[in-house]
Each structure stands twice: as structure tokens, then as C-alpha cells.
Amino acid sequence: MKKTNNAIVVTSIIAGVVLIIGLVAFGTLNSMVPSQGDNTVNVEGIATVNAMPDLISVYFNVETNADTSVEAKDANAEIVEKVILALMMEGFDRKDIVTENFNIYQDYDWSGDERTENGFVASHSIKVEIDVNQSDDVGEIIDAGVDAGAKINYINFELTQESQNKYKAEAMKLAAEDARVKAEAVAEGFGKDVGKLVSVNVNDFGYSPWNLYSGGGIMEVGIDSVGMAKESVTNIQPGEREVMARVSAVYKLK
């Protein structure tokens, strides 16, 4: 009799567990099926605005090789200080000469059958910015940095943070309006009206600098490359470029 009661208890427990699992599964499936009153439309708004660059950024790089990491770092710091002083002579404040990257790594020679240790390399990248209307000064800035021991990484037309914020706000607003127009068109096609906004997902603002010159940062800089860098700024005039924003929105239909 005792064994029978135990069997009944075990069977009841199993049945209870199965029932709970079934209820959970039913609830999950039911939550995945939208009710008839939850008609929504999901749209993506896209907008582009024309942006004009308002600054020129010149990126320099200083590389030094030595037998030890400390020697490479110290030699690099000495040249960087000379570059900073040379740029300050061109009118920059020290705070305006920004470090973009600093790295020390062990160098290897792979030309033979086996890898050979080749000391350490210290690399320090710095950036200076000037107003786009001062493009005539870029040549002197390049000469100052290179004469002090730096290489030219690249030169860009870019947007100031203030301009980025302005274009971002304009593009986002237009993308949101585009999403609303699309939602209204879809609703009209189904004989409905657009209701309240349910959710919004912003895919931000797409912006890339206008590259004027790339090259000398990882190579030995000679007269030709310095001349090409100067020429790129002198001969290339900034033009408008389209920047894009995307906004995804979900509206109720009524």
C-alpha cells in the first residue's frame, strides 16, 4: 500500500511538471503572436545632407628604433618635443598639438629563413588642426614638422565638432520626417491612419573625413612625398559631400 501511494505521488509530480512546462510554452507562443488590436508598421527613414568641411587636419608620425624599449621611447620623446616646439613656432599652442596614438613594439626581421629580433620601435602620432580658410599655411606646417624629424601620415579635410552636431541634427530630423511619410503612405494603402509612435531606433550619423593625402606615415619621407603632401592641399579644393542618417520607427495603425 505504501509503494502504491509513492507511485501516485511520483506520477502526480510528473504530471504537475508537464502541466507547468505546457503552460509556459503556451504563454511564450501566445506572446509571439500579435493580437488583432496591435497592428503596427515598421519603417526606416533615410536622409542625406550636404556638408562642407571647415578644418584641415595634418597628422604627423615619429618613429624611432633602438636596442631596448626604453632607448626607443627616450629617442622618440626627444624628437616629438622638437616637433612640438617647431609647430608652436608656427603659432600653435601646446594644447592644440594632440597625441593620436603612442605605441612601443618589438621589431623583427623576416627576410631570412628564421625570424630575427631587430630591436624595438616607438611610434608617436600627433595631429594639428587649422581652419579650412588657412590652407595656404599648411605647407609651412608640413615643413616645420618634417624638418624637426616627423613623417607625414595623412592630411584630411574634416568637420569641427560644432559642424558635426549641426549636420547630425539636420540629418536626423529629415530622416525622422521621411519615416513618418513612409508610415502614412503604408497606412493609407491599407485604409488606416497612423497612430502613436511605439518605438524609435537611431542608426546615427554617417560621416567620414575627406582624405587629401596618405602615404608617408609608414615609409621614409623624402622630398617627393613632402611635395606631394603640399600639392594635395594646394590643388584640391573642398567640396560638398553627402552625409547620411537612418531612423527606424514603429507606429501603431488605427
C-alpha atoms as a PDB file:
ATOM      1  CA  MET A   1       0.000   0.000   0.000  1.00  0.00           C
ATOM      2  CA  LYS A   2       2.866   2.317   0.824  1.00  0.00           C
ATOM      3  CA  LYS A   3       4.515   1.592  -2.526  1.00  0.00           C
ATOM      4  CA  THR A   4       1.264   2.411  -4.326  1.00  0.00           C
ATOM      5  CA  ASN A   5       0.999   5.755  -2.561  1.00  0.00           C
ATOM      6  CA  ASN A   6       4.598   6.594  -3.512  1.00  0.00           C
ATOM      7  CA  ALA A   7       3.865   5.760  -7.117  1.00  0.00           C
ATOM      8  CA  ILE A   8       0.818   8.024  -7.058  1.00  0.00           C
ATOM      9  CA  VAL A   9       2.879  10.884  -5.589  1.00  0.00           C
ATOM     10  CA  VAL A  10       5.608  10.477  -8.223  1.00  0.00           C
ATOM     11  CA  THR A  11       3.037  10.361 -11.016  1.00  0.00           C
ATOM     12  CA  SER A  12       1.359  13.490  -9.685  1.00  0.00           C
ATOM     13  CA  ILE A  13       4.654  15.341  -9.537  1.00  0.00           C
ATOM     14  CA  ILE A  14       5.486  14.383 -13.136  1.00  0.00           C
ATOM     15  CA  ALA A  15       2.060  15.422 -14.308  1.00  0.00           C
ATOM     16  CA  GLY A  16       2.408  18.732 -12.499  1.00  0.00           C
ATOM     17  CA  VAL A  17       5.789  19.421 -14.099  1.00  0.00           C
ATOM     18  CA  VAL A  18       4.448  18.580 -17.568  1.00  0.00           C
ATOM     19  CA  LEU A  19       1.480  20.891 -16.975  1.00  0.00           C
ATOM     20  CA  ILE A  20       3.746  23.760 -15.905  1.00  0.00           C
ATOM     21  CA  ILE A  21       6.003  23.284 -18.948  1.00  0.00           C
ATOM     22  CA  GLY A  22       2.954  23.252 -21.197  1.00  0.00           C
ATOM     23  CA  LEU A  23       1.597  26.460 -19.685  1.00  0.00           C
ATOM     24  CA  VAL A  24       4.963  28.210 -20.040  1.00  0.00           C
ATOM     25  CA  ALA A  25       5.285  27.102 -23.671  1.00  0.00           C
ATOM     26  CA  PHE A  26       1.726  28.204 -24.419  1.00  0.00           C
ATOM     27  CA  GLY A  27       2.356  31.576 -22.823  1.00  0.00           C
ATOM     28  CA  THR A  28       5.581  32.055 -24.800  1.00  0.00           C
ATOM     29  CA  LEU A  29       3.994  31.140 -28.117  1.00  0.00           C
ATOM     30  CA  ASN A  30       0.985  33.286 -27.344  1.00  0.00           C
ATOM     31  CA  SER A  31       3.194  36.292 -26.598  1.00  0.00           C
ATOM     32  CA  MET A  32       4.863  35.894 -30.026  1.00  0.00           C
ATOM     33  CA  VAL A  33       1.551  36.170 -31.863  1.00  0.00           C
ATOM     34  CA  PRO A  34       0.333  39.771 -32.118  1.00  0.00           C
ATOM     35  CA  SER A  35      -3.254  40.400 -31.146  1.00  0.00           C
ATOM     36  CA  GLN A  36      -5.624  41.870 -33.660  1.00  0.00           C
ATOM     37  CA  GLY A  37      -5.535  45.190 -31.836  1.00  0.00           C
ATOM     38  CA  ASP A  38      -1.763  45.532 -32.110  1.00  0.00           C
ATOM     39  CA  ASN A  39      -1.447  46.416 -35.809  1.00  0.00           C
ATOM     40  CA  THR A  40       1.817  48.273 -36.342  1.00  0.00           C
ATOM     41  CA  VAL A  41       4.014  49.382 -39.205  1.00  0.00           C
ATOM     42  CA  ASN A  42       7.819  49.366 -39.070  1.00  0.00           C
ATOM     43  CA  VAL A  43       9.522  51.906 -41.352  1.00  0.00           C
ATOM     44  CA  GLU A  44      13.036  53.225 -41.925  1.00  0.00           C
ATOM     45  CA  GLY A  45      13.647  56.871 -42.649  1.00  0.00           C
ATOM     46  CA  ILE A  46      16.756  57.826 -44.629  1.00  0.00           C
ATOM     47  CA  ALA A  47      18.104  61.325 -45.209  1.00  0.00           C
ATOM     48  CA  THR A  48      21.245  62.899 -46.636  1.00  0.00           C
ATOM     49  CA  VAL A  49      22.547  66.415 -46.136  1.00  0.00           C
ATOM     50  CA  ASN A  50      25.365  68.213 -47.912  1.00  0.00           C
ATOM     51  CA  ALA A  51      28.280  69.085 -45.636  1.00  0.00           C
ATOM     52  CA  MET A  52      31.213  71.421 -46.241  1.00  0.00           C
ATOM     53  CA  PRO A  53      34.468  70.773 -44.322  1.00  0.00           C
ATOM     54  CA  ASP A  54      35.594  73.606 -42.101  1.00  0.00           C
ATOM     55  CA  LEU A  55      39.025  72.479 -40.910  1.00  0.00           C
ATOM     56  CA  ILE A  56      42.192  70.813 -42.170  1.00  0.00           C
ATOM     57  CA  SER A  57      43.906  68.200 -40.000  1.00  0.00           C
ATOM     58  CA  VAL A  58      47.573  67.341 -40.500  1.00  0.00           C
ATOM     59  CA  TYR A  59      48.702  64.054 -38.946  1.00  0.00           C
ATOM     60  CA  PHE A  60      52.402  63.516 -38.223  1.00  0.00           C
ATOM     61  CA  ASN A  61      54.181  60.379 -37.042  1.00  0.00           C
ATOM     62  CA  VAL A  62      57.516  59.996 -35.256  1.00  0.00           C
ATOM     63  CA  GLU A  63      59.212  56.566 -35.322  1.00  0.00           C
ATOM     64  CA  THR A  64      62.447  55.591 -33.596  1.00  0.00           C
ATOM     65  CA  ASN A  65      64.356  52.294 -33.459  1.00  0.00           C
ATOM     66  CA  ALA A  66      66.655  51.169 -30.646  1.00  0.00           C
ATOM     67  CA  ASP A  67      68.014  48.029 -28.983  1.00  0.00           C
ATOM     68  CA  THR A  68      65.732  48.399 -25.962  1.00  0.00           C
ATOM     69  CA  SER A  69      62.205  49.731 -25.468  1.00  0.00           C
ATOM     70  CA  VAL A  70      63.455  52.414 -23.066  1.00  0.00           C
ATOM     71  CA  GLU A  71      66.008  53.704 -25.568  1.00  0.00           C
ATOM     72  CA  ALA A  72      63.390  53.740 -28.341  1.00  0.00           C
ATOM     73  CA  LYS A  73      60.950  55.630 -26.100  1.00  0.00           C
ATOM     74  CA  ASP A  74      63.527  58.202 -24.983  1.00  0.00           C
ATOM     75  CA  ALA A  75      64.738  58.834 -28.533  1.00  0.00           C
ATOM     76  CA  ASN A  76      61.139  59.225 -29.675  1.00  0.00           C
ATOM     77  CA  ALA A  77      60.276  61.662 -26.894  1.00  0.00           C
ATOM     78  CA  GLU A  78      63.263  63.825 -27.845  1.00  0.00           C
ATOM     79  CA  ILE A  79      62.137  64.133 -31.471  1.00  0.00           C
ATOM     80  CA  VAL A  80      58.487  64.663 -30.541  1.00  0.00           C
ATOM     81  CA  GLU A  81      59.487  67.536 -28.300  1.00  0.00           C
ATOM     82  CA  LYS A  82      61.371  69.118 -31.214  1.00  0.00           C
ATOM     83  CA  VAL A  83      58.319  68.676 -33.450  1.00  0.00           C
ATOM     84  CA  ILE A  84      56.051  70.265 -30.834  1.00  0.00           C
ATOM     85  CA  LEU A  85      58.359  73.240 -30.429  1.00  0.00           C
ATOM     86  CA  ALA A  86      58.576  73.667 -34.213  1.00  0.00           C
ATOM     87  CA  LEU A  87      54.786  73.638 -34.503  1.00  0.00           C
ATOM     88  CA  MET A  88      54.489  76.118 -31.657  1.00  0.00           C
ATOM     89  CA  MET A  89      56.765  78.401 -33.661  1.00  0.00           C
ATOM     90  CA  GLU A  90      54.092  78.220 -36.385  1.00  0.00           C
ATOM     91  CA  GLY A  91      51.505  79.610 -33.984  1.00  0.00           C
ATOM     92  CA  PHE A  92      50.033  76.519 -32.321  1.00  0.00           C
ATOM     93  CA  ASP A  93      49.557  76.283 -28.572  1.00  0.00           C
ATOM     94  CA  ARG A  94      50.931  73.144 -26.928  1.00  0.00           C
ATOM     95  CA  LYS A  95      47.380  72.079 -26.001  1.00  0.00           C
ATOM     96  CA  ASP A  96      46.423  72.181 -29.696  1.00  0.00           C
ATOM     97  CA  ILE A  97      49.047  69.549 -30.602  1.00  0.00           C
ATOM     98  CA  VAL A  98      47.156  66.338 -29.868  1.00  0.00           C
ATOM     99  CA  THR A  99      48.543  62.827 -29.430  1.00  0.00           C
ATOM    100  CA  GLU A 100      46.515  60.403 -31.563  1.00  0.00           C
ATOM    101  CA  ASN A 101      48.454  57.240 -30.777  1.00  0.00           C
ATOM    102  CA  PHE A 102      51.595  56.053 -28.977  1.00  0.00           C
ATOM    103  CA  ASN A 103      52.983  52.545 -29.214  1.00  0.00           C
ATOM    104  CA  ILE A 104      56.190  50.602 -28.481  1.00  0.00           C
ATOM    105  CA  TYR A 105      56.688  47.178 -30.007  1.00  0.00           C
ATOM    106  CA  GLN A 106      59.454  44.697 -30.741  1.00  0.00           C
ATOM    107  CA  ASP A 107      60.620  44.659 -34.341  1.00  0.00           C
ATOM    108  CA  TYR A 108      61.553  41.526 -36.267  1.00  0.00           C
ATOM    109  CA  ASP A 109      63.423  40.839 -39.489  1.00  0.00           C
ATOM    110  CA  TRP A 110      61.622  38.225 -41.606  1.00  0.00           C
ATOM    111  CA  SER A 111      63.917  38.358 -44.644  1.00  0.00           C
ATOM    112  CA  GLY A 112      65.908  35.222 -43.723  1.00  0.00           C
ATOM    113  CA  ASP A 113      64.877  31.658 -43.056  1.00  0.00           C
ATOM    114  CA  GLU A 114      64.226  32.441 -39.410  1.00  0.00           C
ATOM    115  CA  ARG A 115      62.773  35.373 -37.573  1.00  0.00           C
ATOM    116  CA  THR A 116      65.452  37.714 -36.242  1.00  0.00           C
ATOM    117  CA  GLU A 117      64.931  40.212 -33.452  1.00  0.00           C
ATOM    118  CA  ASN A 118      65.588  43.721 -34.667  1.00  0.00           C
ATOM    119  CA  GLY A 119      65.256  45.837 -31.519  1.00  0.00           C
ATOM    120  CA  PHE A 120      62.254  47.967 -30.608  1.00  0.00           C
ATOM    121  CA  VAL A 121      60.212  50.620 -32.386  1.00  0.00           C
ATOM    122  CA  ALA A 122      58.484  53.545 -30.684  1.00  0.00           C
ATOM    123  CA  SER A 123      55.742  55.243 -32.702  1.00  0.00           C
ATOM    124  CA  HIS A 124      54.033  58.507 -31.739  1.00  0.00           C
ATOM    125  CA  SER A 125      51.279  60.058 -33.895  1.00  0.00           C
ATOM    126  CA  ILE A 126      50.232  63.674 -33.380  1.00  0.00           C
ATOM    127  CA  LYS A 127      47.664  65.922 -35.012  1.00  0.00           C
ATOM    128  CA  VAL A 128      47.211  69.659 -35.553  1.00  0.00           C
ATOM    129  CA  GLU A 129      44.148  71.400 -36.961  1.00  0.00           C
ATOM    130  CA  ILE A 130      43.689  74.698 -38.785  1.00  0.00           C
ATOM    131  CA  ASP A 131      40.709  76.474 -40.268  1.00  0.00           C
ATOM    132  CA  VAL A 132      39.997  75.487 -43.860  1.00  0.00           C
ATOM    133  CA  ASN A 133      40.456  79.126 -44.891  1.00  0.00           C
ATOM    134  CA  GLN A 134      44.096  78.904 -43.741  1.00  0.00           C
ATOM    135  CA  SER A 135      45.042  76.247 -46.283  1.00  0.00           C
ATOM    136  CA  ASP A 136      47.917  78.433 -47.514  1.00  0.00           C
ATOM    137  CA  ASP A 137      49.663  77.818 -44.167  1.00  0.00           C
ATOM    138  CA  VAL A 138      49.708  74.019 -44.492  1.00  0.00           C
ATOM    139  CA  GLY A 139      52.956  73.977 -46.479  1.00  0.00           C
ATOM    140  CA  GLU A 140      54.839  75.772 -43.699  1.00  0.00           C
ATOM    141  CA  ILE A 141      53.282  73.476 -41.086  1.00  0.00           C
ATOM    142  CA  ILE A 142      54.415  70.405 -43.030  1.00  0.00           C
ATOM    143  CA  ASP A 143      57.937  71.784 -43.394  1.00  0.00           C
ATOM    144  CA  ALA A 144      58.140  72.567 -39.682  1.00  0.00           C
ATOM    145  CA  GLY A 145      57.117  69.052 -38.640  1.00  0.00           C
ATOM    146  CA  VAL A 146      59.268  67.223 -41.183  1.00  0.00           C
ATOM    147  CA  ASP A 147      62.344  69.375 -40.569  1.00  0.00           C
ATOM    148  CA  ALA A 148      62.035  68.548 -36.859  1.00  0.00           C
ATOM    149  CA  GLY A 149      62.111  64.809 -37.602  1.00  0.00           C
ATOM    150  CA  ALA A 150      58.472  63.764 -38.145  1.00  0.00           C
ATOM    151  CA  LYS A 151      56.886  61.952 -41.066  1.00  0.00           C
ATOM    152  CA  ILE A 152      53.571  62.838 -42.674  1.00  0.00           C
ATOM    153  CA  ASN A 153      50.848  60.282 -42.005  1.00  0.00           C
ATOM    154  CA  TYR A 154      47.961  61.888 -43.830  1.00  0.00           C
ATOM    155  CA  ILE A 155      46.054  65.135 -44.348  1.00  0.00           C
ATOM    156  CA  ASN A 156      42.276  65.463 -44.180  1.00  0.00           C
ATOM    157  CA  PHE A 157      39.510  67.956 -44.683  1.00  0.00           C
ATOM    158  CA  GLU A 158      37.251  67.405 -41.657  1.00  0.00           C
ATOM    159  CA  LEU A 159      34.295  68.795 -39.734  1.00  0.00           C
ATOM    160  CA  THR A 160      34.596  70.537 -36.400  1.00  0.00           C
ATOM    161  CA  GLN A 161      32.526  69.072 -33.570  1.00  0.00           C
ATOM    162  CA  GLU A 162      30.172  72.041 -33.834  1.00  0.00           C
ATOM    163  CA  SER A 163      29.588  71.330 -37.536  1.00  0.00           C
ATOM    164  CA  GLN A 164      29.140  67.619 -36.901  1.00  0.00           C
ATOM    165  CA  ASN A 165      26.441  68.392 -34.328  1.00  0.00           C
ATOM    166  CA  LYS A 166      24.696  70.772 -36.739  1.00  0.00           C
ATOM    167  CA  TYR A 167      24.656  68.339 -39.668  1.00  0.00           C
ATOM    168  CA  LYS A 168      23.739  65.439 -37.394  1.00  0.00           C
ATOM    169  CA  ALA A 169      20.680  67.269 -36.047  1.00  0.00           C
ATOM    170  CA  GLU A 170      19.579  68.255 -39.559  1.00  0.00           C
ATOM    171  CA  ALA A 171      20.034  64.741 -40.972  1.00  0.00           C
ATOM    172  CA  MET A 172      18.252  63.076 -38.037  1.00  0.00           C
ATOM    173  CA  LYS A 173      15.283  65.431 -38.321  1.00  0.00           C
ATOM    174  CA  LEU A 174      14.933  64.777 -42.056  1.00  0.00           C
ATOM    175  CA  ALA A 175      15.257  61.005 -41.545  1.00  0.00           C
ATOM    176  CA  ALA A 176      12.514  61.091 -38.903  1.00  0.00           C
ATOM    177  CA  GLU A 177      10.264  63.041 -41.274  1.00  0.00           C
ATOM    178  CA  ASP A 178      10.979  60.512 -44.013  1.00  0.00           C
ATOM    179  CA  ALA A 179       9.976  57.659 -41.691  1.00  0.00           C
ATOM    180  CA  ARG A 180       6.702  59.404 -40.855  1.00  0.00           C
ATOM    181  CA  VAL A 181       5.893  59.964 -44.555  1.00  0.00           C
ATOM    182  CA  LYS A 182       6.508  56.293 -45.310  1.00  0.00           C
ATOM    183  CA  ALA A 183       4.343  55.193 -42.382  1.00  0.00           C
ATOM    184  CA  GLU A 184       1.478  57.420 -43.557  1.00  0.00           C
ATOM    185  CA  ALA A 185       1.753  56.070 -47.115  1.00  0.00           C
ATOM    186  CA  VAL A 186       1.596  52.469 -45.899  1.00  0.00           C
ATOM    187  CA  ALA A 187      -1.318  53.229 -43.592  1.00  0.00           C
ATOM    188  CA  GLU A 188      -3.252  54.924 -46.392  1.00  0.00           C
ATOM    189  CA  GLY A 189      -2.689  51.918 -48.623  1.00  0.00           C
ATOM    190  CA  PHE A 190      -4.391  49.715 -46.030  1.00  0.00           C
ATOM    191  CA  GLY A 191      -7.173  52.186 -45.403  1.00  0.00           C
ATOM    192  CA  LYS A 192      -5.866  53.089 -41.962  1.00  0.00           C
ATOM    193  CA  ASP A 193      -4.370  56.063 -40.151  1.00  0.00           C
ATOM    194  CA  VAL A 194      -1.042  56.378 -38.359  1.00  0.00           C
ATOM    195  CA  GLY A 195      -1.416  56.228 -34.601  1.00  0.00           C
ATOM    196  CA  LYS A 196       1.031  56.881 -31.821  1.00  0.00           C
ATOM    197  CA  LEU A 197       4.756  56.264 -32.102  1.00  0.00           C
ATOM    198  CA  VAL A 198       5.657  52.971 -30.422  1.00  0.00           C
ATOM    199  CA  SER A 199       9.468  52.901 -30.660  1.00  0.00           C
ATOM    200  CA  VAL A 200      12.431  54.523 -32.406  1.00  0.00           C
ATOM    201  CA  ASN A 201      15.871  53.192 -33.254  1.00  0.00           C
ATOM    202  CA  VAL A 202      18.517  55.677 -34.405  1.00  0.00           C
ATOM    203  CA  ASN A 203      21.370  54.391 -36.565  1.00  0.00           C
ATOM    204  CA  ASP A 204      23.293  57.629 -36.064  1.00  0.00           C
ATOM    205  CA  PHE A 205      25.005  59.915 -38.487  1.00  0.00           C
ATOM    206  CA  GLY A 206      27.456  58.705 -41.133  1.00  0.00           C
ATOM    207  CA  TYR A 207      30.484  60.930 -41.600  1.00  0.00           C
ATOM    208  CA  SER A 208      33.967  60.266 -42.960  1.00  0.00           C
ATOM    209  CA  PRO A 209      36.723  62.862 -43.439  1.00  0.00           C
ATOM    210  CA  TRP A 210      37.793  63.970 -46.919  1.00  0.00           C
ATOM    211  CA  ASN A 211      41.241  62.425 -47.314  1.00  0.00           C
ATOM    212  CA  LEU A 212      43.679  64.668 -49.183  1.00  0.00           C
ATOM    213  CA  TYR A 213      46.922  62.775 -48.742  1.00  0.00           C
ATOM    214  CA  SER A 214      48.027  59.403 -47.370  1.00  0.00           C
ATOM    215  CA  GLY A 215      51.392  57.787 -47.545  1.00  0.00           C
ATOM    216  CA  GLY A 216      54.431  58.942 -45.641  1.00  0.00           C
ATOM    217  CA  GLY A 217      53.495  57.657 -42.203  1.00  0.00           C
ATOM    218  CA  ILE A 218      54.920  54.156 -42.591  1.00  0.00           C
ATOM    219  CA  MET A 219      57.703  54.968 -45.070  1.00  0.00           C
ATOM    220  CA  GLU A 220      60.793  57.115 -45.095  1.00  0.00           C
ATOM    221  CA  VAL A 221      59.654  60.586 -46.094  1.00  0.00           C
ATOM    222  CA  GLY A 222      61.621  62.220 -48.877  1.00  0.00           C
ATOM    223  CA  ILE A 223      61.361  65.402 -50.894  1.00  0.00           C
ATOM    224  CA  ASP A 224      58.836  63.872 -53.306  1.00  0.00           C
ATOM    225  CA  SER A 225      56.378  62.817 -50.596  1.00  0.00           C
ATOM    226  CA  VAL A 226      56.590  66.173 -48.812  1.00  0.00           C
ATOM    227  CA  GLY A 227      55.990  67.923 -52.128  1.00  0.00           C
ATOM    228  CA  MET A 228      53.010  65.684 -52.862  1.00  0.00           C
ATOM    229  CA  ALA A 229      51.519  66.438 -49.451  1.00  0.00           C
ATOM    230  CA  LYS A 230      51.828  70.185 -50.021  1.00  0.00           C
ATOM    231  CA  GLU A 231      50.471  69.912 -53.539  1.00  0.00           C
ATOM    232  CA  SER A 232      47.444  67.918 -52.394  1.00  0.00           C
ATOM    233  CA  VAL A 233      46.307  70.765 -50.158  1.00  0.00           C
ATOM    234  CA  THR A 234      47.126  73.487 -52.690  1.00  0.00           C
ATOM    235  CA  ASN A 235      45.405  71.886 -55.670  1.00  0.00           C
ATOM    236  CA  ILE A 236      42.401  70.173 -54.088  1.00  0.00           C
ATOM    237  CA  GLN A 237      39.546  72.433 -53.067  1.00  0.00           C
ATOM    238  CA  PRO A 238      36.984  71.130 -50.589  1.00  0.00           C
ATOM    239  CA  GLY A 239      33.577  70.339 -51.995  1.00  0.00           C
ATOM    240  CA  GLU A 240      30.270  69.295 -50.544  1.00  0.00           C
ATOM    241  CA  ARG A 241      29.844  65.691 -49.510  1.00  0.00           C
ATOM    242  CA  GLU A 242      26.651  63.857 -48.676  1.00  0.00           C
ATOM    243  CA  VAL A 243      26.345  62.511 -45.143  1.00  0.00           C
ATOM    244  CA  MET A 244      23.574  60.112 -44.188  1.00  0.00           C
ATOM    245  CA  ALA A 245      21.333  59.394 -41.209  1.00  0.00           C
ATOM    246  CA  ARG A 246      18.903  56.500 -40.668  1.00  0.00           C
ATOM    247  CA  VAL A 247      15.971  56.298 -38.257  1.00  0.00           C
ATOM    248  CA  SER A 248      13.819  53.190 -37.752  1.00  0.00           C
ATOM    249  CA  ALA A 249      10.366  53.761 -36.268  1.00  0.00           C
ATOM    250  CA  VAL A 250       7.349  51.666 -35.299  1.00  0.00           C
ATOM    251  CA  TYR A 251       3.886  53.249 -35.439  1.00  0.00           C
ATOM    252  CA  LYS A 252       0.505  51.902 -34.417  1.00  0.00           C
ATOM    253  CA  LEU A 253      -2.131  51.734 -37.127  1.00  0.00           C
ATOM    254  CA  LYS A 254      -5.691  52.691 -36.317  1.00  0.00           C
END
